[in-house]
Amino acid sequence: MLRATVGLADPREALAKARAAAHRALELDPHQPEAHGVLALVSGLLDYDWPA
C-alpha cells in the first residue's frame, strides 16, 4: 500500500490487494485493529466519492 501512495505501484491494484488482505485478516481474527484501520484507509482512498 505504501508503494501506491508514493506512486511506485498502481493505486487501485495495490489498494484492492490491501483490502483483500485485511478481509482475510479479519476472517482469522475479527478483533484485529490493524485490519480495521486498513479497511478504513482503503475505504477513504478508494471508495469515497470525493467532490471534484
N, C-alpha and C. Protein backbone atom coordinates (compact mmCIF):
# COMPACT_ATOMS: atom_id res chain seq x y z
N MET A 1 0.82 -1.17 0.00
CA MET A 1 0.00 0.00 0.00
C MET A 1 0.87 1.25 0.00
N LEU A 2 2.00 1.20 0.68
CA LEU A 2 2.90 2.35 0.70
C LEU A 2 3.39 2.67 -0.71
N ARG A 3 3.69 1.65 -1.48
CA ARG A 3 4.16 1.88 -2.85
C ARG A 3 3.12 2.62 -3.67
N ALA A 4 1.85 2.36 -3.44
CA ALA A 4 0.80 3.05 -4.18
C ALA A 4 0.70 4.51 -3.77
N THR A 5 0.89 4.80 -2.49
CA THR A 5 0.75 6.18 -2.04
C THR A 5 1.90 7.07 -2.47
N VAL A 6 3.06 6.48 -2.80
CA VAL A 6 4.19 7.29 -3.27
C VAL A 6 4.39 7.17 -4.78
N GLY A 7 3.46 6.52 -5.47
CA GLY A 7 3.49 6.47 -6.92
C GLY A 7 4.33 5.37 -7.53
N LEU A 8 4.70 4.35 -6.76
CA LEU A 8 5.52 3.27 -7.29
C LEU A 8 4.70 2.06 -7.75
N ALA A 9 3.40 2.09 -7.52
CA ALA A 9 2.53 0.99 -7.93
C ALA A 9 1.17 1.56 -8.31
N ASP A 10 0.42 0.81 -9.07
CA ASP A 10 -0.93 1.22 -9.45
C ASP A 10 -1.79 1.27 -8.19
N PRO A 11 -2.31 2.46 -7.84
CA PRO A 11 -3.06 2.58 -6.59
C PRO A 11 -4.28 1.68 -6.50
N ARG A 12 -5.05 1.58 -7.56
CA ARG A 12 -6.26 0.75 -7.50
C ARG A 12 -5.92 -0.72 -7.26
N GLU A 13 -4.87 -1.19 -7.91
CA GLU A 13 -4.47 -2.59 -7.73
C GLU A 13 -3.93 -2.83 -6.32
N ALA A 14 -3.06 -1.93 -5.86
CA ALA A 14 -2.47 -2.10 -4.54
C ALA A 14 -3.52 -1.99 -3.43
N LEU A 15 -4.45 -1.05 -3.56
CA LEU A 15 -5.48 -0.89 -2.55
C LEU A 15 -6.45 -2.06 -2.56
N ALA A 16 -6.72 -2.62 -3.75
CA ALA A 16 -7.58 -3.80 -3.82
C ALA A 16 -6.91 -4.99 -3.11
N LYS A 17 -5.60 -5.12 -3.29
CA LYS A 17 -4.87 -6.20 -2.61
C LYS A 17 -4.86 -5.97 -1.09
N ALA A 18 -4.69 -4.71 -0.69
CA ALA A 18 -4.70 -4.39 0.74
C ALA A 18 -6.06 -4.70 1.34
N ARG A 19 -7.13 -4.39 0.61
CA ARG A 19 -8.48 -4.68 1.09
C ARG A 19 -8.68 -6.18 1.26
N ALA A 20 -8.24 -6.95 0.27
CA ALA A 20 -8.39 -8.41 0.33
C ALA A 20 -7.60 -8.98 1.51
N ALA A 21 -6.41 -8.48 1.73
CA ALA A 21 -5.59 -8.96 2.84
C ALA A 21 -6.23 -8.60 4.18
N ALA A 22 -6.79 -7.41 4.27
CA ALA A 22 -7.44 -7.00 5.52
C ALA A 22 -8.67 -7.85 5.80
N HIS A 23 -9.45 -8.14 4.75
CA HIS A 23 -10.62 -9.00 4.95
C HIS A 23 -10.19 -10.39 5.41
N ARG A 24 -9.11 -10.91 4.84
CA ARG A 24 -8.61 -12.22 5.25
C ARG A 24 -8.14 -12.19 6.70
N ALA A 25 -7.46 -11.12 7.07
CA ALA A 25 -7.01 -10.99 8.46
C ALA A 25 -8.19 -10.95 9.42
N LEU A 26 -9.27 -10.29 9.02
CA LEU A 26 -10.45 -10.22 9.88
C LEU A 26 -11.19 -11.55 9.95
N GLU A 27 -11.07 -12.37 8.90
CA GLU A 27 -11.63 -13.72 8.98
C GLU A 27 -10.91 -14.52 10.06
N LEU A 28 -9.60 -14.32 10.15
CA LEU A 28 -8.80 -15.05 11.13
C LEU A 28 -9.00 -14.51 12.54
N ASP A 29 -9.11 -13.19 12.66
CA ASP A 29 -9.28 -12.55 13.97
C ASP A 29 -10.12 -11.29 13.78
N PRO A 30 -11.42 -11.36 14.03
CA PRO A 30 -12.31 -10.23 13.79
C PRO A 30 -12.04 -9.01 14.67
N HIS A 31 -11.20 -9.16 15.68
CA HIS A 31 -10.92 -8.05 16.59
C HIS A 31 -9.57 -7.40 16.33
N GLN A 32 -8.96 -7.70 15.21
CA GLN A 32 -7.63 -7.17 14.90
C GLN A 32 -7.73 -5.70 14.48
N PRO A 33 -7.21 -4.77 15.27
CA PRO A 33 -7.38 -3.36 14.98
C PRO A 33 -6.66 -2.89 13.71
N GLU A 34 -5.52 -3.49 13.40
CA GLU A 34 -4.78 -3.07 12.22
C GLU A 34 -5.58 -3.32 10.94
N ALA A 35 -6.26 -4.45 10.88
CA ALA A 35 -7.07 -4.76 9.70
C ALA A 35 -8.23 -3.79 9.56
N HIS A 36 -8.84 -3.43 10.67
CA HIS A 36 -9.91 -2.45 10.62
C HIS A 36 -9.38 -1.09 10.15
N GLY A 37 -8.18 -0.74 10.58
CA GLY A 37 -7.56 0.51 10.15
C GLY A 37 -7.27 0.53 8.66
N VAL A 38 -6.77 -0.59 8.14
CA VAL A 38 -6.51 -0.68 6.70
C VAL A 38 -7.80 -0.55 5.92
N LEU A 39 -8.86 -1.21 6.37
CA LEU A 39 -10.15 -1.09 5.67
C LEU A 39 -10.66 0.34 5.68
N ALA A 40 -10.48 1.04 6.78
CA ALA A 40 -10.91 2.43 6.85
C ALA A 40 -10.10 3.29 5.88
N LEU A 41 -8.80 3.08 5.82
CA LEU A 41 -7.95 3.84 4.91
C LEU A 41 -8.29 3.56 3.46
N VAL A 42 -8.44 2.29 3.12
CA VAL A 42 -8.79 1.91 1.75
C VAL A 42 -10.14 2.51 1.37
N SER A 43 -11.08 2.45 2.28
CA SER A 43 -12.40 2.99 2.00
C SER A 43 -12.32 4.49 1.73
N GLY A 44 -11.53 5.19 2.52
CA GLY A 44 -11.39 6.63 2.33
C GLY A 44 -10.69 6.99 1.04
N LEU A 45 -9.72 6.19 0.64
CA LEU A 45 -8.96 6.50 -0.58
C LEU A 45 -9.62 6.00 -1.85
N LEU A 46 -10.27 4.86 -1.77
CA LEU A 46 -10.74 4.20 -2.98
C LEU A 46 -12.24 4.30 -3.18
N ASP A 47 -13.00 4.21 -2.12
CA ASP A 47 -14.45 4.12 -2.26
C ASP A 47 -15.19 5.44 -2.12
N TYR A 48 -14.65 6.35 -1.34
CA TYR A 48 -15.36 7.60 -1.08
C TYR A 48 -15.45 8.42 -2.36
N ASP A 49 -16.60 8.99 -2.62
CA ASP A 49 -16.82 9.81 -3.82
C ASP A 49 -16.46 11.26 -3.47
N TRP A 50 -15.17 11.59 -3.59
CA TRP A 50 -14.71 12.91 -3.26
C TRP A 50 -15.27 13.94 -4.24
N PRO A 51 -15.66 15.12 -3.75
CA PRO A 51 -16.16 16.15 -4.67
C PRO A 51 -15.03 16.63 -5.59
N ALA A 52 -15.42 17.01 -6.77
CA ALA A 52 -14.42 17.46 -7.76
C ALA A 52 -13.88 18.82 -7.43
